[in-house]
Amino acid sequence: MFKQVNVRIMSLKQKGPIILLALFIGVLMVTFFLGGQHLYARNHPLIGTTLTVLSFLVWPLYALFATLGIHFLVRRSQRLKQVHDRRQTWRRSIYWVPIGAVLAIQAMDRLFS
């Protein structure tokens, strides 16, 4: 009576940018928070407070895209067990969040001092 239809919501080419967007937003969030705290301590209270508040406003976007990215990674890893090294590449890319944040904070410190 009912026909079985296989529907793919998003192709792999569309999933990659979501994961990269989550990483980029994560770098922004950590940078805004730590940079704001650093600038607040360095006698720039207005800029520091603004960046800290922005980090809290960016948090829901980060949570959304990170959750979508993790969901796609889990579904993909369940389907494609033979593609091991690609999965490892995506997992290793999460380390760029703190590295990018530290580099951005150092650049902001040099810019404002």
PDB file of N, CA and C in Angstrom:
ATOM      1  N   MET A   1       0.807  -1.190   0.000  1.00  0.00           N
ATOM      2  CA  MET A   1       0.000   0.000   0.000  1.00  0.00           C
ATOM      3  C   MET A   1       0.857   1.265   0.000  1.00  0.00           C
ATOM      4  N   PHE A   2       1.854   1.291   0.896  1.00  0.00           N
ATOM      5  CA  PHE A   2       2.738   2.455   0.941  1.00  0.00           C
ATOM      6  C   PHE A   2       4.038   2.133   0.232  1.00  0.00           C
ATOM      7  N   LYS A   3       4.528   3.098  -0.484  1.00  0.00           N
ATOM      8  CA  LYS A   3       5.812   2.951  -1.154  1.00  0.00           C
ATOM      9  C   LYS A   3       6.922   3.409  -0.227  1.00  0.00           C
ATOM     10  N   GLN A   4       7.981   2.647  -0.175  1.00  0.00           N
ATOM     11  CA  GLN A   4       9.112   3.072   0.656  1.00  0.00           C
ATOM     12  C   GLN A   4       9.978   4.027  -0.162  1.00  0.00           C
ATOM     13  N   VAL A   5      10.214   5.190   0.396  1.00  0.00           N
ATOM     14  CA  VAL A   5      10.985   6.210  -0.307  1.00  0.00           C
ATOM     15  C   VAL A   5      12.195   6.560   0.544  1.00  0.00           C
ATOM     16  N   ASN A   6      13.356   6.484  -0.049  1.00  0.00           N
ATOM     17  CA  ASN A   6      14.576   6.896   0.643  1.00  0.00           C
ATOM     18  C   ASN A   6      14.821   8.365   0.347  1.00  0.00           C
ATOM     19  N   VAL A   7      14.788   9.160   1.380  1.00  0.00           N
ATOM     20  CA  VAL A   7      14.981  10.601   1.221  1.00  0.00           C
ATOM     21  C   VAL A   7      16.266  10.989   1.930  1.00  0.00           C
ATOM     22  N   ARG A   8      17.152  11.605   1.209  1.00  0.00           N
ATOM     23  CA  ARG A   8      18.375  12.137   1.816  1.00  0.00           C
ATOM     24  C   ARG A   8      18.163  13.625   2.000  1.00  0.00           C
ATOM     25  N   ILE A   9      18.238  14.046   3.241  1.00  0.00           N
ATOM     26  CA  ILE A   9      17.951  15.449   3.534  1.00  0.00           C
ATOM     27  C   ILE A   9      19.051  16.353   2.992  1.00  0.00           C
ATOM     28  N   MET A  10      20.283  16.012   3.288  1.00  0.00           N
ATOM     29  CA  MET A  10      21.389  16.845   2.832  1.00  0.00           C
ATOM     30  C   MET A  10      22.492  15.944   2.304  1.00  0.00           C
ATOM     31  N   SER A  11      23.123  16.358   1.240  1.00  0.00           N
ATOM     32  CA  SER A  11      24.254  15.590   0.741  1.00  0.00           C
ATOM     33  C   SER A  11      25.488  15.925   1.571  1.00  0.00           C
ATOM     34  N   LEU A  12      26.540  15.156   1.358  1.00  0.00           N
ATOM     35  CA  LEU A  12      27.766  15.371   2.124  1.00  0.00           C
ATOM     36  C   LEU A  12      28.375  16.739   1.830  1.00  0.00           C
ATOM     37  N   LYS A  13      28.217  17.228   0.614  1.00  0.00           N
ATOM     38  CA  LYS A  13      28.759  18.542   0.275  1.00  0.00           C
ATOM     39  C   LYS A  13      28.058  19.653   1.051  1.00  0.00           C
ATOM     40  N   GLN A  14      26.813  19.415   1.451  1.00  0.00           N
ATOM     41  CA  GLN A  14      26.093  20.422   2.222  1.00  0.00           C
ATOM     42  C   GLN A  14      26.370  20.297   3.712  1.00  0.00           C
ATOM     43  N   LYS A  15      26.824  19.142   4.176  1.00  0.00           N
ATOM     44  CA  LYS A  15      27.083  18.947   5.602  1.00  0.00           C
ATOM     45  C   LYS A  15      28.421  19.544   6.025  1.00  0.00           C
ATOM     46  N   GLY A  16      29.404  19.509   5.167  1.00  0.00           N
ATOM     47  CA  GLY A  16      30.728  20.032   5.493  1.00  0.00           C
ATOM     48  C   GLY A  16      30.710  21.490   5.915  1.00  0.00           C
ATOM     49  N   PRO A  17      30.044  22.365   5.156  1.00  0.00           N
ATOM     50  CA  PRO A  17      30.001  23.771   5.561  1.00  0.00           C
ATOM     51  C   PRO A  17      29.328  24.005   6.911  1.00  0.00           C
ATOM     52  N   ILE A  18      28.361  23.169   7.287  1.00  0.00           N
ATOM     53  CA  ILE A  18      27.725  23.337   8.599  1.00  0.00           C
ATOM     54  C   ILE A  18      28.736  23.071   9.699  1.00  0.00           C
ATOM     55  N   ILE A  19      29.547  22.040   9.522  1.00  0.00           N
ATOM     56  CA  ILE A  19      30.554  21.713  10.526  1.00  0.00           C
ATOM     57  C   ILE A  19      31.612  22.816  10.584  1.00  0.00           C
ATOM     58  N   LEU A  20      32.045  23.299   9.430  1.00  0.00           N
ATOM     59  CA  LEU A  20      33.024  24.383   9.409  1.00  0.00           C
ATOM     60  C   LEU A  20      32.443  25.667  10.002  1.00  0.00           C
ATOM     61  N   LEU A  21      31.167  25.918   9.761  1.00  0.00           N
ATOM     62  CA  LEU A  21      30.519  27.089  10.346  1.00  0.00           C
ATOM     63  C   LEU A  21      30.471  26.978  11.865  1.00  0.00           C
ATOM     64  N   ALA A  22      30.221  25.769  12.370  1.00  0.00           N
ATOM     65  CA  ALA A  22      30.225  25.567  13.824  1.00  0.00           C
ATOM     66  C   ALA A  22      31.609  25.838  14.400  1.00  0.00           C
ATOM     67  N   LEU A  23      32.648  25.391  13.703  1.00  0.00           N
ATOM     68  CA  LEU A  23      34.010  25.652  14.178  1.00  0.00           C
ATOM     69  C   LEU A  23      34.320  27.146  14.164  1.00  0.00           C
ATOM     70  N   PHE A  24      33.908  27.833  13.098  1.00  0.00           N
ATOM     71  CA  PHE A  24      34.161  29.267  12.998  1.00  0.00           C
ATOM     72  C   PHE A  24      33.423  30.035  14.098  1.00  0.00           C
ATOM     73  N   ILE A  25      32.162  29.681  14.331  1.00  0.00           N
ATOM     74  CA  ILE A  25      31.395  30.354  15.381  1.00  0.00           C
ATOM     75  C   ILE A  25      31.984  30.042  16.745  1.00  0.00           C
ATOM     76  N   GLY A  26      32.500  28.820  16.931  1.00  0.00           N
ATOM     77  CA  GLY A  26      33.157  28.478  18.192  1.00  0.00           C
ATOM     78  C   GLY A  26      34.393  29.320  18.432  1.00  0.00           C
ATOM     79  N   VAL A  27      35.174  29.531  17.378  1.00  0.00           N
ATOM     80  CA  VAL A  27      36.355  30.391  17.506  1.00  0.00           C
ATOM     81  C   VAL A  27      35.929  31.813  17.855  1.00  0.00           C
ATOM     82  N   LEU A  28      34.884  32.310  17.196  1.00  0.00           N
ATOM     83  CA  LEU A  28      34.394  33.657  17.507  1.00  0.00           C
ATOM     84  C   LEU A  28      33.930  33.767  18.952  1.00  0.00           C
ATOM     85  N   MET A  29      33.204  32.754  19.406  1.00  0.00           N
ATOM     86  CA  MET A  29      32.655  32.803  20.760  1.00  0.00           C
ATOM     87  C   MET A  29      33.766  32.819  21.802  1.00  0.00           C
ATOM     88  N   VAL A  30      34.721  31.915  21.660  1.00  0.00           N
ATOM     89  CA  VAL A  30      35.828  31.855  22.623  1.00  0.00           C
ATOM     90  C   VAL A  30      36.670  33.124  22.540  1.00  0.00           C
ATOM     91  N   THR A  31      36.888  33.617  21.326  1.00  0.00           N
ATOM     92  CA  THR A  31      37.675  34.835  21.146  1.00  0.00           C
ATOM     93  C   THR A  31      36.990  36.036  21.790  1.00  0.00           C
ATOM     94  N   PHE A  32      35.696  36.182  21.537  1.00  0.00           N
ATOM     95  CA  PHE A  32      34.967  37.306  22.124  1.00  0.00           C
ATOM     96  C   PHE A  32      35.003  37.249  23.640  1.00  0.00           C
ATOM     97  N   PHE A  33      34.798  36.056  24.208  1.00  0.00           N
ATOM     98  CA  PHE A  33      34.744  35.959  25.664  1.00  0.00           C
ATOM     99  C   PHE A  33      36.112  36.225  26.287  1.00  0.00           C
ATOM    100  N   LEU A  34      37.124  35.486  25.846  1.00  0.00           N
ATOM    101  CA  LEU A  34      38.447  35.645  26.454  1.00  0.00           C
ATOM    102  C   LEU A  34      39.064  36.997  26.111  1.00  0.00           C
ATOM    103  N   GLY A  35      38.859  37.442  24.875  1.00  0.00           N
ATOM    104  CA  GLY A  35      39.366  38.757  24.497  1.00  0.00           C
ATOM    105  C   GLY A  35      38.678  39.868  25.265  1.00  0.00           C
ATOM    106  N   GLY A  36      37.370  39.726  25.485  1.00  0.00           N
ATOM    107  CA  GLY A  36      36.643  40.719  26.269  1.00  0.00           C
ATOM    108  C   GLY A  36      37.128  40.781  27.702  1.00  0.00           C
ATOM    109  N   GLN A  37      37.364  39.624  28.303  1.00  0.00           N
ATOM    110  CA  GLN A  37      37.873  39.596  29.671  1.00  0.00           C
ATOM    111  C   GLN A  37      39.280  40.192  29.744  1.00  0.00           C
ATOM    112  N   HIS A  38      40.078  39.886  28.745  1.00  0.00           N
ATOM    113  CA  HIS A  38      41.448  40.404  28.715  1.00  0.00           C
ATOM    114  C   HIS A  38      41.449  41.928  28.556  1.00  0.00           C
ATOM    115  N   LEU A  39      40.636  42.429  27.637  1.00  0.00           N
ATOM    116  CA  LEU A  39      40.588  43.877  27.420  1.00  0.00           C
ATOM    117  C   LEU A  39      39.970  44.603  28.611  1.00  0.00           C
ATOM    118  N   TYR A  40      39.014  43.971  29.284  1.00  0.00           N
ATOM    119  CA  TYR A  40      38.432  44.575  30.477  1.00  0.00           C
ATOM    120  C   TYR A  40      39.494  44.727  31.559  1.00  0.00           C
ATOM    121  N   ALA A  41      40.355  43.727  31.689  1.00  0.00           N
ATOM    122  CA  ALA A  41      41.424  43.791  32.691  1.00  0.00           C
ATOM    123  C   ALA A  41      42.510  44.786  32.295  1.00  0.00           C
ATOM    124  N   ARG A  42      42.618  45.104  31.008  1.00  0.00           N
ATOM    125  CA  ARG A  42      43.644  46.033  30.527  1.00  0.00           C
ATOM    126  C   ARG A  42      43.127  47.461  30.398  1.00  0.00           C
ATOM    127  N   ASN A  43      42.136  47.822  31.195  1.00  0.00           N
ATOM    128  CA  ASN A  43      41.577  49.180  31.227  1.00  0.00           C
ATOM    129  C   ASN A  43      40.865  49.581  29.935  1.00  0.00           C
ATOM    130  N   HIS A  44      40.181  48.629  29.318  1.00  0.00           N
ATOM    131  CA  HIS A  44      39.277  48.921  28.202  1.00  0.00           C
ATOM    132  C   HIS A  44      37.908  48.345  28.565  1.00  0.00           C
ATOM    133  N   PRO A  45      37.239  48.927  29.572  1.00  0.00           N
ATOM    134  CA  PRO A  45      36.012  48.283  30.075  1.00  0.00           C
ATOM    135  C   PRO A  45      34.861  48.246  29.073  1.00  0.00           C
ATOM    136  N   LEU A  46      34.709  49.274  28.255  1.00  0.00           N
ATOM    137  CA  LEU A  46      33.584  49.293  27.320  1.00  0.00           C
ATOM    138  C   LEU A  46      33.746  48.227  26.240  1.00  0.00           C
ATOM    139  N   ILE A  47      34.924  48.174  25.636  1.00  0.00           N
ATOM    140  CA  ILE A  47      35.176  47.172  24.595  1.00  0.00           C
ATOM    141  C   ILE A  47      35.138  45.771  25.192  1.00  0.00           C
ATOM    142  N   GLY A  48      35.732  45.606  26.367  1.00  0.00           N
ATOM    143  CA  GLY A  48      35.751  44.295  27.014  1.00  0.00           C
ATOM    144  C   GLY A  48      34.363  43.791  27.358  1.00  0.00           C
ATOM    145  N   THR A  49      33.538  44.661  27.901  1.00  0.00           N
ATOM    146  CA  THR A  49      32.168  44.265  28.247  1.00  0.00           C
ATOM    147  C   THR A  49      31.361  43.948  26.997  1.00  0.00           C
ATOM    148  N   THR A  50      31.534  44.749  25.946  1.00  0.00           N
ATOM    149  CA  THR A  50      30.808  44.510  24.701  1.00  0.00           C
ATOM    150  C   THR A  50      31.170  43.154  24.109  1.00  0.00           C
ATOM    151  N   LEU A  51      32.453  42.829  24.071  1.00  0.00           N
ATOM    152  CA  LEU A  51      32.864  41.538  23.514  1.00  0.00           C
ATOM    153  C   LEU A  51      32.379  40.372  24.364  1.00  0.00           C
ATOM    154  N   THR A  52      32.390  40.534  25.675  1.00  0.00           N
ATOM    155  CA  THR A  52      31.908  39.464  26.548  1.00  0.00           C
ATOM    156  C   THR A  52      30.417  39.225  26.333  1.00  0.00           C
ATOM    157  N   VAL A  53      29.644  40.296  26.216  1.00  0.00           N
ATOM    158  CA  VAL A  53      28.206  40.145  25.968  1.00  0.00           C
ATOM    159  C   VAL A  53      27.969  39.517  24.598  1.00  0.00           C
ATOM    160  N   LEU A  54      28.753  39.900  23.594  1.00  0.00           N
ATOM    161  CA  LEU A  54      28.617  39.288  22.266  1.00  0.00           C
ATOM    162  C   LEU A  54      28.884  37.789  22.306  1.00  0.00           C
ATOM    163  N   SER A  55      29.833  37.371  23.143  1.00  0.00           N
ATOM    164  CA  SER A  55      30.121  35.939  23.227  1.00  0.00           C
ATOM    165  C   SER A  55      28.913  35.171  23.752  1.00  0.00           C
ATOM    166  N   PHE A  56      28.162  35.770  24.675  1.00  0.00           N
ATOM    167  CA  PHE A  56      26.965  35.093  25.175  1.00  0.00           C
ATOM    168  C   PHE A  56      25.836  35.115  24.151  1.00  0.00           C
ATOM    169  N   LEU A  57      25.801  36.126  23.290  1.00  0.00           N
ATOM    170  CA  LEU A  57      24.781  36.169  22.249  1.00  0.00           C
ATOM    171  C   LEU A  57      25.071  35.181  21.124  1.00  0.00           C
ATOM    172  N   VAL A  58      26.344  34.869  20.896  1.00  0.00           N
ATOM    173  CA  VAL A  58      26.738  33.943  19.834  1.00  0.00           C
ATOM    174  C   VAL A  58      26.545  32.488  20.275  1.00  0.00           C
ATOM    175  N   TRP A  59      26.464  32.248  21.590  1.00  0.00           N
ATOM    176  CA  TRP A  59      26.406  30.887  22.116  1.00  0.00           C
ATOM    177  C   TRP A  59      25.274  30.031  21.520  1.00  0.00           C
ATOM    178  N   PRO A  60      24.024  30.527  21.381  1.00  0.00           N
ATOM    179  CA  PRO A  60      22.977  29.665  20.800  1.00  0.00           C
ATOM    180  C   PRO A  60      23.273  29.242  19.366  1.00  0.00           C
ATOM    181  N   LEU A  61      23.868  30.136  18.573  1.00  0.00           N
ATOM    182  CA  LEU A  61      24.244  29.755  17.202  1.00  0.00           C
ATOM    183  C   LEU A  61      25.286  28.651  17.207  1.00  0.00           C
ATOM    184  N   TYR A  62      26.282  28.793  18.094  1.00  0.00           N
ATOM    185  CA  TYR A  62      27.312  27.767  18.187  1.00  0.00           C
ATOM    186  C   TYR A  62      26.697  26.435  18.594  1.00  0.00           C
ATOM    187  N   ALA A  63      25.811  26.462  19.572  1.00  0.00           N
ATOM    188  CA  ALA A  63      25.191  25.221  20.037  1.00  0.00           C
ATOM    189  C   ALA A  63      24.378  24.569  18.921  1.00  0.00           C
ATOM    190  N   LEU A  64      23.660  25.373  18.151  1.00  0.00           N
ATOM    191  CA  LEU A  64      22.854  24.836  17.058  1.00  0.00           C
ATOM    192  C   LEU A  64      23.721  24.174  15.993  1.00  0.00           C
ATOM    193  N   PHE A  65      24.715  24.902  15.488  1.00  0.00           N
ATOM    194  CA  PHE A  65      25.525  24.362  14.405  1.00  0.00           C
ATOM    195  C   PHE A  65      26.432  23.229  14.875  1.00  0.00           C
ATOM    196  N   ALA A  66      26.924  23.305  16.112  1.00  0.00           N
ATOM    197  CA  ALA A  66      27.743  22.207  16.626  1.00  0.00           C
ATOM    198  C   ALA A  66      26.906  20.948  16.797  1.00  0.00           C
ATOM    199  N   THR A  67      25.675  21.094  17.267  1.00  0.00           N
ATOM    200  CA  THR A  67      24.796  19.933  17.414  1.00  0.00           C
ATOM    201  C   THR A  67      24.474  19.324  16.059  1.00  0.00           C
ATOM    202  N   LEU A  68      24.173  20.167  15.077  1.00  0.00           N
ATOM    203  CA  LEU A  68      23.922  19.649  13.728  1.00  0.00           C
ATOM    204  C   LEU A  68      25.154  18.952  13.167  1.00  0.00           C
ATOM    205  N   GLY A  69      26.316  19.563  13.363  1.00  0.00           N
ATOM    206  CA  GLY A  69      27.546  18.962  12.859  1.00  0.00           C
ATOM    207  C   GLY A  69      27.839  17.626  13.499  1.00  0.00           C
ATOM    208  N   ILE A  70      27.673  17.528  14.816  1.00  0.00           N
ATOM    209  CA  ILE A  70      27.911  16.262  15.507  1.00  0.00           C
ATOM    210  C   ILE A  70      26.885  15.227  15.066  1.00  0.00           C
ATOM    211  N   HIS A  71      25.641  15.645  14.886  1.00  0.00           N
ATOM    212  CA  HIS A  71      24.598  14.726  14.424  1.00  0.00           C
ATOM    213  C   HIS A  71      24.960  14.145  13.058  1.00  0.00           C
ATOM    214  N   PHE A  72      25.414  15.000  12.138  1.00  0.00           N
ATOM    215  CA  PHE A  72      25.785  14.516  10.815  1.00  0.00           C
ATOM    216  C   PHE A  72      27.000  13.606  10.871  1.00  0.00           C
ATOM    217  N   LEU A  73      27.966  13.936  11.741  1.00  0.00           N
ATOM    218  CA  LEU A  73      29.140  13.079  11.868  1.00  0.00           C
ATOM    219  C   LEU A  73      28.774  11.707  12.406  1.00  0.00           C
ATOM    220  N   VAL A  74      27.895  11.657  13.392  1.00  0.00           N
ATOM    221  CA  VAL A  74      27.498  10.366  13.963  1.00  0.00           C
ATOM    222  C   VAL A  74      26.735   9.543  12.938  1.00  0.00           C
ATOM    223  N   ARG A  75      25.803  10.162  12.231  1.00  0.00           N
ATOM    224  CA  ARG A  75      25.050   9.422  11.206  1.00  0.00           C
ATOM    225  C   ARG A  75      25.963   8.936  10.102  1.00  0.00           C
ATOM    226  N   ARG A  76      26.910   9.771   9.728  1.00  0.00           N
ATOM    227  CA  ARG A  76      27.823   9.390   8.659  1.00  0.00           C
ATOM    228  C   ARG A  76      28.735   8.255   9.103  1.00  0.00           C
ATOM    229  N   SER A  77      29.210   8.311  10.343  1.00  0.00           N
ATOM    230  CA  SER A  77      30.110   7.262  10.810  1.00  0.00           C
ATOM    231  C   SER A  77      29.376   5.941  10.982  1.00  0.00           C
ATOM    232  N   GLN A  78      28.089   5.986  11.270  1.00  0.00           N
ATOM    233  CA  GLN A  78      27.325   4.749  11.361  1.00  0.00           C
ATOM    234  C   GLN A  78      27.115   4.135   9.988  1.00  0.00           C
ATOM    235  N   ARG A  79      26.944   4.963   8.969  1.00  0.00           N
ATOM    236  CA  ARG A  79      26.712   4.453   7.613  1.00  0.00           C
ATOM    237  C   ARG A  79      27.994   4.039   6.916  1.00  0.00           C
ATOM    238  N   LEU A  80      29.028   4.815   7.090  1.00  0.00           N
ATOM    239  CA  LEU A  80      30.250   4.593   6.314  1.00  0.00           C
ATOM    240  C   LEU A  80      31.393   4.170   7.224  1.00  0.00           C
ATOM    241  N   LYS A  81      31.427   2.923   7.587  1.00  0.00           N
ATOM    242  CA  LYS A  81      32.488   2.440   8.475  1.00  0.00           C
ATOM    243  C   LYS A  81      33.828   2.348   7.746  1.00  0.00           C
ATOM    244  N   GLN A  82      33.807   2.202   6.436  1.00  0.00           N
ATOM    245  CA  GLN A  82      35.061   2.008   5.710  1.00  0.00           C
ATOM    246  C   GLN A  82      35.842   3.300   5.489  1.00  0.00           C
ATOM    247  N   VAL A  83      35.199   4.449   5.635  1.00  0.00           N
ATOM    248  CA  VAL A  83      35.894   5.716   5.418  1.00  0.00           C
ATOM    249  C   VAL A  83      36.394   6.202   6.771  1.00  0.00           C
ATOM    250  N   HIS A  84      37.494   5.659   7.226  1.00  0.00           N
ATOM    251  CA  HIS A  84      37.971   5.933   8.577  1.00  0.00           C
ATOM    252  C   HIS A  84      38.776   7.229   8.659  1.00  0.00           C
ATOM    253  N   ASP A  85      39.674   7.443   7.709  1.00  0.00           N
ATOM    254  CA  ASP A  85      40.566   8.603   7.820  1.00  0.00           C
ATOM    255  C   ASP A  85      39.830   9.927   7.643  1.00  0.00           C
ATOM    256  N   ARG A  86      38.774   9.974   6.861  1.00  0.00           N
ATOM    257  CA  ARG A  86      38.021  11.215   6.717  1.00  0.00           C
ATOM    258  C   ARG A  86      37.334  11.598   8.019  1.00  0.00           C
ATOM    259  N   ARG A  87      36.794  10.605   8.704  1.00  0.00           N
ATOM    260  CA  ARG A  87      36.162  10.864   9.997  1.00  0.00           C
ATOM    261  C   ARG A  87      37.173  11.413  10.985  1.00  0.00           C
ATOM    262  N   GLN A  88      38.377  10.861  10.974  1.00  0.00           N
ATOM    263  CA  GLN A  88      39.411  11.335  11.887  1.00  0.00           C
ATOM    264  C   GLN A  88      39.795  12.779  11.575  1.00  0.00           C
ATOM    265  N   THR A  89      39.802  13.141  10.301  1.00  0.00           N
ATOM    266  CA  THR A  89      40.126  14.518   9.920  1.00  0.00           C
ATOM    267  C   THR A  89      39.107  15.486  10.509  1.00  0.00           C
ATOM    268  N   TRP A  90      37.822  15.157  10.434  1.00  0.00           N
ATOM    269  CA  TRP A  90      36.803  16.039  11.002  1.00  0.00           C
ATOM    270  C   TRP A  90      36.937  16.130  12.510  1.00  0.00           C
ATOM    271  N   ARG A  91      37.266  15.016  13.154  1.00  0.00           N
ATOM    272  CA  ARG A  91      37.394  15.045  14.610  1.00  0.00           C
ATOM    273  C   ARG A  91      38.597  15.877  15.034  1.00  0.00           C
ATOM    274  N   ARG A  92      39.671  15.809  14.274  1.00  0.00           N
ATOM    275  CA  ARG A  92      40.857  16.596  14.619  1.00  0.00           C
ATOM    276  C   ARG A  92      40.643  18.082  14.392  1.00  0.00           C
ATOM    277  N   SER A  93      39.730  18.451  13.532  1.00  0.00           N
ATOM    278  CA  SER A  93      39.533  19.868  13.229  1.00  0.00           C
ATOM    279  C   SER A  93      38.964  20.642  14.412  1.00  0.00           C
ATOM    280  N   ILE A  94      38.422  19.962  15.424  1.00  0.00           N
ATOM    281  CA  ILE A  94      37.892  20.656  16.598  1.00  0.00           C
ATOM    282  C   ILE A  94      39.014  21.343  17.372  1.00  0.00           C
ATOM    283  N   TYR A  95      40.250  20.893  17.217  1.00  0.00           N
ATOM    284  CA  TYR A  95      41.370  21.507  17.928  1.00  0.00           C
ATOM    285  C   TYR A  95      41.670  22.914  17.426  1.00  0.00           C
ATOM    286  N   TRP A  96      41.151  23.285  16.269  1.00  0.00           N
ATOM    287  CA  TRP A  96      41.407  24.622  15.748  1.00  0.00           C
ATOM    288  C   TRP A  96      40.621  25.689  16.493  1.00  0.00           C
ATOM    289  N   VAL A  97      39.590  25.307  17.251  1.00  0.00           N
ATOM    290  CA  VAL A  97      38.805  26.304  17.999  1.00  0.00           C
ATOM    291  C   VAL A  97      39.669  27.023  19.030  1.00  0.00           C
ATOM    292  N   PRO A  98      40.332  26.320  19.969  1.00  0.00           N
ATOM    293  CA  PRO A  98      41.151  27.068  20.932  1.00  0.00           C
ATOM    294  C   PRO A  98      42.385  27.701  20.305  1.00  0.00           C
ATOM    295  N   ILE A  99      42.961  27.069  19.298  1.00  0.00           N
ATOM    296  CA  ILE A  99      44.155  27.637  18.660  1.00  0.00           C
ATOM    297  C   ILE A  99      43.801  28.957  17.977  1.00  0.00           C
ATOM    298  N   GLY A 100      42.697  28.970  17.229  1.00  0.00           N
ATOM    299  CA  GLY A 100      42.259  30.200  16.572  1.00  0.00           C
ATOM    300  C   GLY A 100      41.896  31.281  17.568  1.00  0.00           C
ATOM    301  N   ALA A 101      41.296  30.880  18.686  1.00  0.00           N
ATOM    302  CA  ALA A 101      40.928  31.862  19.710  1.00  0.00           C
ATOM    303  C   ALA A 101      42.161  32.501  20.331  1.00  0.00           C
ATOM    304  N   VAL A 102      43.169  31.705  20.628  1.00  0.00           N
ATOM    305  CA  VAL A 102      44.396  32.246  21.226  1.00  0.00           C
ATOM    306  C   VAL A 102      45.084  33.203  20.257  1.00  0.00           C
ATOM    307  N   LEU A 103      45.161  32.833  18.994  1.00  0.00           N
ATOM    308  CA  LEU A 103      45.789  33.717  18.004  1.00  0.00           C
ATOM    309  C   LEU A 103      45.005  35.023  17.848  1.00  0.00           C
ATOM    310  N   ALA A 104      43.683  34.939  17.850  1.00  0.00           N
ATOM    311  CA  ALA A 104      42.877  36.154  17.722  1.00  0.00           C
ATOM    312  C   ALA A 104      43.008  37.047  18.954  1.00  0.00           C
ATOM    313  N   ILE A 105      43.098  36.447  20.136  1.00  0.00           N
ATOM    314  CA  ILE A 105      43.266  37.243  21.361  1.00  0.00           C
ATOM    315  C   ILE A 105      44.615  37.949  21.358  1.00  0.00           C
ATOM    316  N   GLN A 106      45.660  37.263  20.901  1.00  0.00           N
ATOM    317  CA  GLN A 106      46.971  37.907  20.825  1.00  0.00           C
ATOM    318  C   GLN A 106      46.946  39.069  19.835  1.00  0.00           C
ATOM    319  N   ALA A 107      46.252  38.892  18.720  1.00  0.00           N
ATOM    320  CA  ALA A 107      46.151  39.980  17.743  1.00  0.00           C
ATOM    321  C   ALA A 107      45.377  41.163  18.322  1.00  0.00           C
ATOM    322  N   MET A 108      44.294  40.887  19.064  1.00  0.00           N
ATOM    323  CA  MET A 108      43.527  41.969  19.684  1.00  0.00           C
ATOM    324  C   MET A 108      44.347  42.681  20.750  1.00  0.00           C
ATOM    325  N   ASP A 109      45.163  41.935  21.481  1.00  0.00           N
ATOM    326  CA  ASP A 109      46.004  42.536  22.514  1.00  0.00           C
ATOM    327  C   ASP A 109      47.005  43.502  21.893  1.00  0.00           C
ATOM    328  N   ARG A 110      47.597  43.099  20.781  1.00  0.00           N
ATOM    329  CA  ARG A 110      48.559  43.981  20.108  1.00  0.00           C
ATOM    330  C   ARG A 110      47.866  45.176  19.469  1.00  0.00           C
ATOM    331  N   LEU A 111      46.639  44.970  19.017  1.00  0.00           N
ATOM    332  CA  LEU A 111      45.899  46.049  18.376  1.00  0.00           C
ATOM    333  C   LEU A 111      45.496  47.130  19.377  1.00  0.00           C
ATOM    334  N   PHE A 112      45.078  46.731  20.573  1.00  0.00           N
ATOM    335  CA  PHE A 112      44.569  47.690  21.551  1.00  0.00           C
ATOM    336  C   PHE A 112      45.604  48.155  22.566  1.00  0.00           C
ATOM    337  N   SER A 113      46.843  47.674  22.483  1.00  0.00           N
ATOM    338  CA  SER A 113      47.830  48.141  23.472  1.00  0.00           C
ATOM    339  C   SER A 113      48.906  48.987  22.831  1.00  0.00           C
TER     340      SER A 113
END
